[in-house]
Amino acid sequence: MLRLSVPFRQALSRLSPVLMLMLSLGCILIGRADQNFDNDLRTGLNDILAPAYMVFSAPIEAAEHGTGVIGHLFSLSEENAQLREQNAELLQWQEVAMALQAQNDALKASLHYVPSPMPQYSTGEVVADTGGIYDRSVLVLVPPANGDPQNLVGAVAMDGRGVAGRVVEAGARSARVLLITDLNSRIPVALGANGAPALMAGRNGPDPSLIYWSPGQPPAEGAMVLTSAQGGAFPPGLPIGVVHYDAQNDPVVLPLASLDSLRLLRLFSYPDNLPVLTQIPHTKPAATAHRSKH
């Protein structure tokens, strides 16, 4: 390290203000003569100091935003604390789940419970709703069928919210779904928490009607409408809609499925409950359709 003598350092300290003043005056005079001098000087200084700014600002930004080695250590510490809390909570829920599983297994054993078969399903895009021989039906594009396409006939079509209908025709790449609102649709249903039996009939309108309910037990407004296992056409418990009384004080079903804007349908095939469907003669509704009811 270069050591300067005391007299030289004193002389340098006296001359430094004078030199800086002369340098400043020189820059002012040069700036008067050249209008771009100050911009060029500032740009040059920025170019020189920019790497230094980056070097010194990187640790500060890392500390502010929680990045870098120190920020990473703090983040790991917080994550570990959260994971320990979640792990303790999951252990508690695991004990609850094991107790419920044991209780469920004991109840199933005492009731000789036979689990329902898992359905096969395929998802298809609704490509047309021309109707064909039915007034209310849609054509669904499905993946290529494995084996006989007719195995898809009778599959339950759902749109993610509720039952939309069931397959009445099937080919290698397409299937026609008869909607629950078609005049030819007849579906046994269960009403409310008690599962009171009734029959839901389409009428080519937006809402199917309810007919043939239990005597003295009319459907309650707002009751949930589920599929019934009567007849073997549908598995029990699939959501269809809710009961509502129209202007004529007749019970109808407000479908859960968005039947007016179907885009995707999932077709569920229940191997043990597939119905053998026969062609239903197509009938057009009269000006005022006759409806049988209790």
C-alpha atoms as a PDB file:
ATOM      1  CA  MET A   1       0.000   0.000   0.000  1.00  0.00           C
ATOM      2  CA  LEU A   2       1.370   3.406  -1.040  1.00  0.00           C
ATOM      3  CA  ARG A   3       2.004   5.659   1.954  1.00  0.00           C
ATOM      4  CA  LEU A   4       1.900   9.404   1.428  1.00  0.00           C
ATOM      5  CA  SER A   5       3.846  11.830   3.556  1.00  0.00           C
ATOM      6  CA  VAL A   6       1.982  14.153   5.859  1.00  0.00           C
ATOM      7  CA  PRO A   7       3.024  17.390   4.060  1.00  0.00           C
ATOM      8  CA  PHE A   8       1.948  15.937   0.695  1.00  0.00           C
ATOM      9  CA  ARG A   9      -1.445  14.884   2.049  1.00  0.00           C
ATOM     10  CA  GLN A  10      -1.978  18.338   3.543  1.00  0.00           C
ATOM     11  CA  ALA A  11      -1.102  19.995   0.237  1.00  0.00           C
ATOM     12  CA  LEU A  12      -3.418  17.588  -1.615  1.00  0.00           C
ATOM     13  CA  SER A  13      -6.285  18.353   0.749  1.00  0.00           C
ATOM     14  CA  ARG A  14      -5.822  22.092   0.140  1.00  0.00           C
ATOM     15  CA  LEU A  15      -5.675  21.690  -3.640  1.00  0.00           C
ATOM     16  CA  SER A  16      -8.661  19.297  -3.912  1.00  0.00           C
ATOM     17  CA  PRO A  17     -11.390  21.982  -3.650  1.00  0.00           C
ATOM     18  CA  VAL A  18      -9.527  24.168  -6.144  1.00  0.00           C
ATOM     19  CA  LEU A  19      -9.144  21.290  -8.591  1.00  0.00           C
ATOM     20  CA  MET A  20     -12.800  20.297  -8.246  1.00  0.00           C
ATOM     21  CA  LEU A  21     -13.878  23.915  -8.795  1.00  0.00           C
ATOM     22  CA  MET A  22     -11.713  24.191 -11.885  1.00  0.00           C
ATOM     23  CA  LEU A  23     -13.069  20.888 -13.173  1.00  0.00           C
ATOM     24  CA  SER A  24     -16.636  22.066 -12.616  1.00  0.00           C
ATOM     25  CA  LEU A  25     -15.995  25.366 -14.404  1.00  0.00           C
ATOM     26  CA  GLY A  26     -14.394  23.479 -17.252  1.00  0.00           C
ATOM     27  CA  CYS A  27     -17.417  21.213 -17.570  1.00  0.00           C
ATOM     28  CA  ILE A  28     -19.710  24.257 -17.573  1.00  0.00           C
ATOM     29  CA  LEU A  29     -17.693  25.960 -20.311  1.00  0.00           C
ATOM     30  CA  ILE A  30     -17.585  22.780 -22.373  1.00  0.00           C
ATOM     31  CA  GLY A  31     -21.326  22.337 -21.857  1.00  0.00           C
ATOM     32  CA  ARG A  32     -21.909  25.880 -23.124  1.00  0.00           C
ATOM     33  CA  ALA A  33     -19.899  25.152 -26.225  1.00  0.00           C
ATOM     34  CA  ASP A  34     -21.338  21.664 -26.817  1.00  0.00           C
ATOM     35  CA  GLN A  35     -25.032  21.224 -25.980  1.00  0.00           C
ATOM     36  CA  ASN A  36     -24.739  17.397 -26.058  1.00  0.00           C
ATOM     37  CA  PHE A  37     -21.784  17.233 -23.708  1.00  0.00           C
ATOM     38  CA  ASP A  38     -23.823  16.835 -20.522  1.00  0.00           C
ATOM     39  CA  ASN A  39     -25.990  14.114 -22.068  1.00  0.00           C
ATOM     40  CA  ASP A  40     -22.952  12.255 -23.332  1.00  0.00           C
ATOM     41  CA  LEU A  41     -21.250  12.591 -19.962  1.00  0.00           C
ATOM     42  CA  ARG A  42     -24.314  11.390 -18.084  1.00  0.00           C
ATOM     43  CA  THR A  43     -24.781   8.468 -20.471  1.00  0.00           C
ATOM     44  CA  GLY A  44     -21.150   7.487 -20.132  1.00  0.00           C
ATOM     45  CA  LEU A  45     -21.324   7.607 -16.349  1.00  0.00           C
ATOM     46  CA  ASN A  46     -24.486   5.518 -16.405  1.00  0.00           C
ATOM     47  CA  ASP A  47     -22.802   2.932 -18.617  1.00  0.00           C
ATOM     48  CA  ILE A  48     -19.873   2.764 -16.242  1.00  0.00           C
ATOM     49  CA  LEU A  49     -21.915   2.659 -13.030  1.00  0.00           C
ATOM     50  CA  ALA A  50     -24.725   0.347 -14.226  1.00  0.00           C
ATOM     51  CA  PRO A  51     -22.801  -2.909 -13.506  1.00  0.00           C
ATOM     52  CA  ALA A  52     -21.913  -1.560 -10.080  1.00  0.00           C
ATOM     53  CA  TYR A  53     -25.562  -0.728  -9.386  1.00  0.00           C
ATOM     54  CA  MET A  54     -26.517  -4.266 -10.345  1.00  0.00           C
ATOM     55  CA  VAL A  55     -23.900  -5.806  -8.087  1.00  0.00           C
ATOM     56  CA  PHE A  56     -24.923  -3.752  -5.059  1.00  0.00           C
ATOM     57  CA  SER A  57     -28.695  -3.839  -5.671  1.00  0.00           C
ATOM     58  CA  ALA A  58     -28.958  -7.626  -6.085  1.00  0.00           C
ATOM     59  CA  PRO A  59     -28.517  -8.438  -2.354  1.00  0.00           C
ATOM     60  CA  ILE A  60     -30.917  -5.643  -1.381  1.00  0.00           C
ATOM     61  CA  GLU A  61     -33.620  -6.870  -3.783  1.00  0.00           C
ATOM     62  CA  ALA A  62     -33.086 -10.447  -2.631  1.00  0.00           C
ATOM     63  CA  ALA A  63     -33.622  -9.381   0.970  1.00  0.00           C
ATOM     64  CA  GLU A  64     -36.732  -7.349   0.062  1.00  0.00           C
ATOM     65  CA  HIS A  65     -38.381 -10.067  -2.042  1.00  0.00           C
ATOM     66  CA  GLY A  66     -37.315 -13.034   0.048  1.00  0.00           C
ATOM     67  CA  THR A  67     -35.026 -14.514  -2.604  1.00  0.00           C
ATOM     68  CA  GLY A  68     -31.408 -15.421  -2.377  1.00  0.00           C
ATOM     69  CA  VAL A  69     -29.760 -17.559   0.260  1.00  0.00           C
ATOM     70  CA  ILE A  70     -31.052 -15.624   3.269  1.00  0.00           C
ATOM     71  CA  GLY A  71     -34.564 -15.236   1.864  1.00  0.00           C
ATOM     72  CA  HIS A  72     -34.616 -18.917   0.908  1.00  0.00           C
ATOM     73  CA  LEU A  73     -33.700 -19.882   4.466  1.00  0.00           C
ATOM     74  CA  PHE A  74     -36.527 -17.776   5.893  1.00  0.00           C
ATOM     75  CA  SER A  75     -38.959 -19.261   3.337  1.00  0.00           C
ATOM     76  CA  LEU A  76     -37.896 -22.805   4.215  1.00  0.00           C
ATOM     77  CA  SER A  77     -38.382 -22.094   7.895  1.00  0.00           C
ATOM     78  CA  GLU A  78     -41.943 -20.802   7.313  1.00  0.00           C
ATOM     79  CA  GLU A  79     -42.793 -23.736   5.022  1.00  0.00           C
ATOM     80  CA  ASN A  80     -41.504 -26.229   7.568  1.00  0.00           C
ATOM     81  CA  ALA A  81     -43.672 -24.675  10.279  1.00  0.00           C
ATOM     82  CA  GLN A  82     -46.751 -24.831   8.015  1.00  0.00           C
ATOM     83  CA  LEU A  83     -45.995 -28.420   7.021  1.00  0.00           C
ATOM     84  CA  ARG A  84     -45.674 -29.462  10.653  1.00  0.00           C
ATOM     85  CA  GLU A  85     -49.082 -27.945  11.433  1.00  0.00           C
ATOM     86  CA  GLN A  86     -50.674 -29.592   8.382  1.00  0.00           C
ATOM     87  CA  ASN A  87     -49.070 -32.922   9.224  1.00  0.00           C
ATOM     88  CA  ALA A  88     -50.472 -32.817  12.762  1.00  0.00           C
ATOM     89  CA  GLU A  89     -53.936 -31.962  11.408  1.00  0.00           C
ATOM     90  CA  LEU A  90     -53.754 -34.748   8.817  1.00  0.00           C
ATOM     91  CA  LEU A  91     -52.806 -37.245  11.505  1.00  0.00           C
ATOM     92  CA  GLN A  92     -55.915 -36.284  13.449  1.00  0.00           C
ATOM     93  CA  TRP A  93     -58.104 -36.670  10.367  1.00  0.00           C
ATOM     94  CA  GLN A  94     -56.435 -40.000   9.623  1.00  0.00           C
ATOM     95  CA  GLU A  95     -57.495 -41.297  13.009  1.00  0.00           C
ATOM     96  CA  VAL A  96     -61.060 -40.070  12.397  1.00  0.00           C
ATOM     97  CA  ALA A  97     -61.111 -41.670   8.935  1.00  0.00           C
ATOM     98  CA  MET A  98     -59.837 -45.006  10.275  1.00  0.00           C
ATOM     99  CA  ALA A  99     -62.522 -44.998  12.975  1.00  0.00           C
ATOM    100  CA  LEU A 100     -65.249 -44.204  10.435  1.00  0.00           C
ATOM    101  CA  GLN A 101     -63.913 -46.860   8.071  1.00  0.00           C
ATOM    102  CA  ALA A 102     -64.048 -49.467  10.822  1.00  0.00           C
ATOM    103  CA  GLN A 103     -67.579 -48.413  11.737  1.00  0.00           C
ATOM    104  CA  ASN A 104     -68.632 -48.459   8.086  1.00  0.00           C
ATOM    105  CA  ASP A 105     -67.184 -51.937   7.556  1.00  0.00           C
ATOM    106  CA  ALA A 106     -69.000 -53.216  10.654  1.00  0.00           C
ATOM    107  CA  LEU A 107     -72.331 -51.785   9.464  1.00  0.00           C
ATOM    108  CA  LYS A 108     -71.871 -53.211   5.974  1.00  0.00           C
ATOM    109  CA  ALA A 109     -71.064 -56.623   7.428  1.00  0.00           C
ATOM    110  CA  SER A 110     -74.160 -56.570   9.653  1.00  0.00           C
ATOM    111  CA  LEU A 111     -76.372 -55.536   6.735  1.00  0.00           C
ATOM    112  CA  HIS A 112     -74.711 -57.955   4.276  1.00  0.00           C
ATOM    113  CA  TYR A 113     -74.044 -54.974   2.046  1.00  0.00           C
ATOM    114  CA  VAL A 114     -73.271 -55.709  -1.603  1.00  0.00           C
ATOM    115  CA  PRO A 115     -71.487 -52.792  -3.279  1.00  0.00           C
ATOM    116  CA  SER A 116     -72.953 -51.436  -6.476  1.00  0.00           C
ATOM    117  CA  PRO A 117     -71.016 -52.152  -9.660  1.00  0.00           C
ATOM    118  CA  MET A 118     -68.860 -49.322 -10.885  1.00  0.00           C
ATOM    119  CA  PRO A 119     -70.188 -47.958 -14.165  1.00  0.00           C
ATOM    120  CA  GLN A 120     -68.147 -47.524 -17.281  1.00  0.00           C
ATOM    121  CA  TYR A 121     -68.311 -44.066 -18.762  1.00  0.00           C
ATOM    122  CA  SER A 122     -67.197 -42.046 -21.734  1.00  0.00           C
ATOM    123  CA  THR A 123     -67.261 -38.317 -22.310  1.00  0.00           C
ATOM    124  CA  GLY A 124     -68.561 -36.890 -25.565  1.00  0.00           C
ATOM    125  CA  GLU A 125     -69.119 -33.497 -27.125  1.00  0.00           C
ATOM    126  CA  VAL A 126     -72.609 -32.495 -28.191  1.00  0.00           C
ATOM    127  CA  VAL A 127     -72.275 -31.854 -31.921  1.00  0.00           C
ATOM    128  CA  ALA A 128     -75.925 -31.465 -33.004  1.00  0.00           C
ATOM    129  CA  ASP A 129     -79.444 -31.233 -31.667  1.00  0.00           C
ATOM    130  CA  THR A 130     -81.376 -31.770 -34.877  1.00  0.00           C
ATOM    131  CA  GLY A 131     -83.788 -34.077 -33.114  1.00  0.00           C
ATOM    132  CA  GLY A 132     -84.145 -36.800 -35.738  1.00  0.00           C
ATOM    133  CA  ILE A 133     -87.263 -38.817 -35.011  1.00  0.00           C
ATOM    134  CA  TYR A 134     -87.387 -37.221 -31.535  1.00  0.00           C
ATOM    135  CA  ASP A 135     -88.230 -33.624 -30.772  1.00  0.00           C
ATOM    136  CA  ARG A 136     -85.857 -33.340 -27.818  1.00  0.00           C
ATOM    137  CA  SER A 137     -82.612 -35.242 -28.369  1.00  0.00           C
ATOM    138  CA  VAL A 138     -78.951 -34.477 -29.021  1.00  0.00           C
ATOM    139  CA  LEU A 139     -76.201 -36.206 -30.967  1.00  0.00           C
ATOM    140  CA  VAL A 140     -73.016 -36.845 -29.010  1.00  0.00           C
ATOM    141  CA  LEU A 141     -69.602 -37.547 -30.503  1.00  0.00           C
ATOM    142  CA  VAL A 142     -68.021 -40.345 -28.455  1.00  0.00           C
ATOM    143  CA  PRO A 143     -64.666 -42.154 -28.638  1.00  0.00           C
ATOM    144  CA  PRO A 144     -64.529 -45.226 -30.888  1.00  0.00           C
ATOM    145  CA  ALA A 145     -66.543 -48.006 -29.278  1.00  0.00           C
ATOM    146  CA  ASN A 146     -64.776 -51.066 -27.923  1.00  0.00           C
ATOM    147  CA  GLY A 147     -66.726 -54.070 -29.105  1.00  0.00           C
ATOM    148  CA  ASP A 148     -70.421 -53.757 -29.837  1.00  0.00           C
ATOM    149  CA  PRO A 149     -71.567 -50.102 -29.969  1.00  0.00           C
ATOM    150  CA  GLN A 150     -75.031 -51.229 -28.903  1.00  0.00           C
ATOM    151  CA  ASN A 151     -73.650 -51.821 -25.416  1.00  0.00           C
ATOM    152  CA  LEU A 152     -73.843 -48.055 -25.042  1.00  0.00           C
ATOM    153  CA  VAL A 153     -77.610 -48.061 -25.604  1.00  0.00           C
ATOM    154  CA  GLY A 154     -79.358 -47.320 -22.321  1.00  0.00           C
ATOM    155  CA  ALA A 155     -76.412 -45.416 -20.827  1.00  0.00           C
ATOM    156  CA  VAL A 156     -77.337 -42.528 -18.549  1.00  0.00           C
ATOM    157  CA  ALA A 157     -76.269 -39.113 -19.861  1.00  0.00           C
ATOM    158  CA  MET A 158     -75.269 -36.436 -17.321  1.00  0.00           C
ATOM    159  CA  ASP A 159     -73.802 -32.972 -17.812  1.00  0.00           C
ATOM    160  CA  GLY A 160     -72.049 -32.644 -14.450  1.00  0.00           C
ATOM    161  CA  ARG A 161     -75.071 -31.203 -12.644  1.00  0.00           C
ATOM    162  CA  GLY A 162     -77.821 -33.716 -13.240  1.00  0.00           C
ATOM    163  CA  VAL A 163     -79.379 -36.319 -15.508  1.00  0.00           C
ATOM    164  CA  ALA A 164     -79.918 -35.066 -19.049  1.00  0.00           C
ATOM    165  CA  GLY A 165     -81.328 -38.240 -20.596  1.00  0.00           C
ATOM    166  CA  ARG A 166     -80.264 -41.645 -21.808  1.00  0.00           C
ATOM    167  CA  VAL A 167     -78.821 -43.126 -24.975  1.00  0.00           C
ATOM    168  CA  VAL A 168     -81.395 -44.569 -27.394  1.00  0.00           C
ATOM    169  CA  GLU A 169     -79.147 -45.078 -30.434  1.00  0.00           C
ATOM    170  CA  ALA A 170     -75.408 -45.709 -30.672  1.00  0.00           C
ATOM    171  CA  GLY A 171     -72.900 -46.106 -33.459  1.00  0.00           C
ATOM    172  CA  ALA A 172     -69.159 -46.495 -33.673  1.00  0.00           C
ATOM    173  CA  ARG A 173     -68.468 -42.783 -33.130  1.00  0.00           C
ATOM    174  CA  SER A 174     -71.788 -41.218 -32.105  1.00  0.00           C
ATOM    175  CA  ALA A 175     -74.726 -41.718 -29.778  1.00  0.00           C
ATOM    176  CA  ARG A 176     -78.177 -40.137 -29.684  1.00  0.00           C
ATOM    177  CA  VAL A 177     -79.385 -39.065 -26.262  1.00  0.00           C
ATOM    178  CA  LEU A 178     -83.126 -38.790 -25.630  1.00  0.00           C
ATOM    179  CA  LEU A 179     -83.513 -35.836 -23.279  1.00  0.00           C
ATOM    180  CA  ILE A 180     -85.717 -36.027 -20.198  1.00  0.00           C
ATOM    181  CA  THR A 181     -87.936 -33.293 -21.663  1.00  0.00           C
ATOM    182  CA  ASP A 182     -88.954 -35.290 -24.759  1.00  0.00           C
ATOM    183  CA  LEU A 183     -92.554 -36.469 -25.009  1.00  0.00           C
ATOM    184  CA  ASN A 184     -91.359 -40.083 -25.238  1.00  0.00           C
ATOM    185  CA  SER A 185     -89.343 -39.900 -22.000  1.00  0.00           C
ATOM    186  CA  ARG A 186     -90.801 -41.718 -18.966  1.00  0.00           C
ATOM    187  CA  ILE A 187     -88.558 -42.024 -15.915  1.00  0.00           C
ATOM    188  CA  PRO A 188     -89.469 -43.496 -12.502  1.00  0.00           C
ATOM    189  CA  VAL A 189     -88.299 -41.112  -9.817  1.00  0.00           C
ATOM    190  CA  ALA A 190     -88.064 -40.785  -6.035  1.00  0.00           C
ATOM    191  CA  LEU A 191     -89.210 -37.550  -4.399  1.00  0.00           C
ATOM    192  CA  GLY A 192     -87.765 -35.860  -1.334  1.00  0.00           C
ATOM    193  CA  ALA A 193     -85.980 -37.364   1.623  1.00  0.00           C
ATOM    194  CA  ASN A 194     -88.592 -40.130   1.972  1.00  0.00           C
ATOM    195  CA  GLY A 195     -88.138 -41.267  -1.640  1.00  0.00           C
ATOM    196  CA  ALA A 196     -91.850 -41.202  -2.486  1.00  0.00           C
ATOM    197  CA  PRO A 197     -92.349 -42.873  -5.887  1.00  0.00           C
ATOM    198  CA  ALA A 198     -93.630 -40.999  -8.925  1.00  0.00           C
ATOM    199  CA  LEU A 199     -93.235 -40.942 -12.683  1.00  0.00           C
ATOM    200  CA  MET A 200     -91.608 -38.085 -14.555  1.00  0.00           C
ATOM    201  CA  ALA A 201     -92.912 -37.553 -18.071  1.00  0.00           C
ATOM    202  CA  GLY A 202     -91.472 -35.281 -20.731  1.00  0.00           C
ATOM    203  CA  ARG A 203     -93.828 -32.998 -22.628  1.00  0.00           C
ATOM    204  CA  ASN A 204     -91.550 -31.387 -25.235  1.00  0.00           C
ATOM    205  CA  GLY A 205     -91.318 -28.307 -23.037  1.00  0.00           C
ATOM    206  CA  PRO A 206     -88.590 -26.967 -20.784  1.00  0.00           C
ATOM    207  CA  ASP A 207     -89.865 -28.778 -17.666  1.00  0.00           C
ATOM    208  CA  PRO A 208     -91.041 -32.418 -17.399  1.00  0.00           C
ATOM    209  CA  SER A 209     -94.226 -33.088 -15.462  1.00  0.00           C
ATOM    210  CA  LEU A 210     -94.822 -35.403 -12.506  1.00  0.00           C
ATOM    211  CA  ILE A 211     -97.597 -37.987 -12.716  1.00  0.00           C
ATOM    212  CA  TYR A 212     -98.750 -41.041 -10.765  1.00  0.00           C
ATOM    213  CA  TRP A 213     -97.486 -40.046  -7.344  1.00  0.00           C
ATOM    214  CA  SER A 214     -98.644 -41.729  -4.137  1.00  0.00           C
ATOM    215  CA  PRO A 215    -102.315 -41.034  -3.224  1.00  0.00           C
ATOM    216  CA  GLY A 216    -102.645 -38.339  -0.610  1.00  0.00           C
ATOM    217  CA  GLN A 217     -98.954 -37.436  -0.850  1.00  0.00           C
ATOM    218  CA  PRO A 218     -98.585 -34.746  -3.525  1.00  0.00           C
ATOM    219  CA  PRO A 219     -95.040 -33.681  -4.341  1.00  0.00           C
ATOM    220  CA  ALA A 220     -93.783 -30.929  -2.090  1.00  0.00           C
ATOM    221  CA  GLU A 221     -92.531 -27.675  -3.561  1.00  0.00           C
ATOM    222  CA  GLY A 222     -88.735 -27.701  -3.712  1.00  0.00           C
ATOM    223  CA  ALA A 223     -88.394 -31.442  -3.064  1.00  0.00           C
ATOM    224  CA  MET A 224     -85.388 -33.095  -4.662  1.00  0.00           C
ATOM    225  CA  VAL A 225     -86.115 -35.430  -7.575  1.00  0.00           C
ATOM    226  CA  LEU A 226     -83.819 -38.452  -7.903  1.00  0.00           C
ATOM    227  CA  THR A 227     -83.809 -41.463 -10.185  1.00  0.00           C
ATOM    228  CA  SER A 228     -85.461 -44.625  -8.928  1.00  0.00           C
ATOM    229  CA  ALA A 229     -84.415 -48.228  -9.464  1.00  0.00           C
ATOM    230  CA  GLN A 230     -87.974 -49.187 -10.409  1.00  0.00           C
ATOM    231  CA  GLY A 231     -87.936 -50.971 -13.752  1.00  0.00           C
ATOM    232  CA  GLY A 232     -84.141 -51.286 -13.811  1.00  0.00           C
ATOM    233  CA  ALA A 233     -83.720 -48.497 -16.369  1.00  0.00           C
ATOM    234  CA  PHE A 234     -81.804 -46.178 -14.061  1.00  0.00           C
ATOM    235  CA  PRO A 235     -79.621 -46.667 -10.993  1.00  0.00           C
ATOM    236  CA  PRO A 236     -81.099 -45.106  -7.867  1.00  0.00           C
ATOM    237  CA  GLY A 237     -80.088 -41.751  -6.461  1.00  0.00           C
ATOM    238  CA  LEU A 238     -78.990 -39.776  -9.504  1.00  0.00           C
ATOM    239  CA  PRO A 239     -80.046 -36.096  -9.265  1.00  0.00           C
ATOM    240  CA  ILE A 240     -82.576 -34.884 -11.825  1.00  0.00           C
ATOM    241  CA  GLY A 241     -84.092 -31.655 -10.497  1.00  0.00           C
ATOM    242  CA  VAL A 242     -86.467 -30.118  -7.979  1.00  0.00           C
ATOM    243  CA  VAL A 243     -90.259 -30.006  -7.746  1.00  0.00           C
ATOM    244  CA  HIS A 244     -92.040 -26.815  -8.715  1.00  0.00           C
ATOM    245  CA  TYR A 245     -95.708 -25.954  -9.218  1.00  0.00           C
ATOM    246  CA  ASP A 246     -96.440 -24.061 -12.451  1.00  0.00           C
ATOM    247  CA  ALA A 247     -99.173 -21.573 -13.196  1.00  0.00           C
ATOM    248  CA  GLN A 248    -101.751 -24.374 -13.551  1.00  0.00           C
ATOM    249  CA  ASN A 249    -100.779 -25.617 -10.074  1.00  0.00           C
ATOM    250  CA  ASP A 250     -99.422 -28.797 -11.592  1.00  0.00           C
ATOM    251  CA  PRO A 251     -96.125 -30.253 -10.299  1.00  0.00           C
ATOM    252  CA  VAL A 252     -93.240 -30.108 -12.737  1.00  0.00           C
ATOM    253  CA  VAL A 253     -89.526 -30.824 -12.434  1.00  0.00           C
ATOM    254  CA  LEU A 254     -86.987 -28.056 -12.882  1.00  0.00           C
ATOM    255  CA  PRO A 255     -84.004 -29.935 -14.353  1.00  0.00           C
ATOM    256  CA  LEU A 256     -80.579 -29.459 -12.854  1.00  0.00           C
ATOM    257  CA  ALA A 257     -78.935 -30.163 -16.209  1.00  0.00           C
ATOM    258  CA  SER A 258     -78.542 -27.223 -18.575  1.00  0.00           C
ATOM    259  CA  LEU A 259     -80.583 -28.813 -21.346  1.00  0.00           C
ATOM    260  CA  ASP A 260     -80.681 -25.665 -23.481  1.00  0.00           C
ATOM    261  CA  SER A 261     -76.894 -25.287 -23.621  1.00  0.00           C
ATOM    262  CA  LEU A 262     -75.398 -28.754 -23.516  1.00  0.00           C
ATOM    263  CA  ARG A 263     -71.744 -28.896 -24.546  1.00  0.00           C
ATOM    264  CA  LEU A 264     -70.322 -32.036 -22.956  1.00  0.00           C
ATOM    265  CA  LEU A 265     -72.119 -35.144 -21.744  1.00  0.00           C
ATOM    266  CA  ARG A 266     -70.790 -38.084 -19.787  1.00  0.00           C
ATOM    267  CA  LEU A 267     -72.421 -41.390 -20.629  1.00  0.00           C
ATOM    268  CA  PHE A 268     -72.550 -43.907 -17.764  1.00  0.00           C
ATOM    269  CA  SER A 269     -73.142 -47.576 -18.546  1.00  0.00           C
ATOM    270  CA  TYR A 270     -74.216 -49.754 -15.627  1.00  0.00           C
ATOM    271  CA  PRO A 271     -73.555 -53.364 -16.676  1.00  0.00           C
ATOM    272  CA  ASP A 272     -76.063 -54.961 -14.317  1.00  0.00           C
ATOM    273  CA  ASN A 273     -78.803 -52.405 -14.949  1.00  0.00           C
ATOM    274  CA  LEU A 274     -78.702 -51.760 -18.654  1.00  0.00           C
ATOM    275  CA  PRO A 275     -82.273 -51.770 -19.943  1.00  0.00           C
ATOM    276  CA  VAL A 276     -83.337 -53.481 -23.125  1.00  0.00           C
ATOM    277  CA  LEU A 277     -84.816 -50.559 -24.983  1.00  0.00           C
ATOM    278  CA  THR A 278     -87.346 -50.956 -27.720  1.00  0.00           C
ATOM    279  CA  GLN A 279     -88.204 -48.333 -30.271  1.00  0.00           C
ATOM    280  CA  ILE A 280     -90.967 -46.092 -28.946  1.00  0.00           C
ATOM    281  CA  PRO A 281     -93.412 -44.906 -31.609  1.00  0.00           C
ATOM    282  CA  HIS A 282     -92.798 -41.227 -32.081  1.00  0.00           C
ATOM    283  CA  THR A 283     -95.797 -39.066 -31.318  1.00  0.00           C
ATOM    284  CA  LYS A 284     -96.210 -35.368 -31.885  1.00  0.00           C
ATOM    285  CA  PRO A 285     -97.891 -33.335 -29.124  1.00  0.00           C
ATOM    286  CA  ALA A 286    -101.352 -32.077 -29.750  1.00  0.00           C
ATOM    287  CA  ALA A 287    -102.337 -28.468 -29.220  1.00  0.00           C
ATOM    288  CA  THR A 288    -103.122 -29.322 -25.592  1.00  0.00           C
ATOM    289  CA  ALA A 289    -101.443 -32.480 -24.384  1.00  0.00           C
ATOM    290  CA  HIS A 290    -103.531 -34.749 -22.149  1.00  0.00           C
ATOM    291  CA  ARG A 291    -101.717 -35.622 -18.915  1.00  0.00           C
ATOM    292  CA  SER A 292    -102.769 -38.343 -16.518  1.00  0.00           C
ATOM    293  CA  LYS A 293    -102.145 -37.720 -12.913  1.00  0.00           C
ATOM    294  CA  HIS A 294    -103.410 -38.450  -9.431  1.00  0.00           C
END
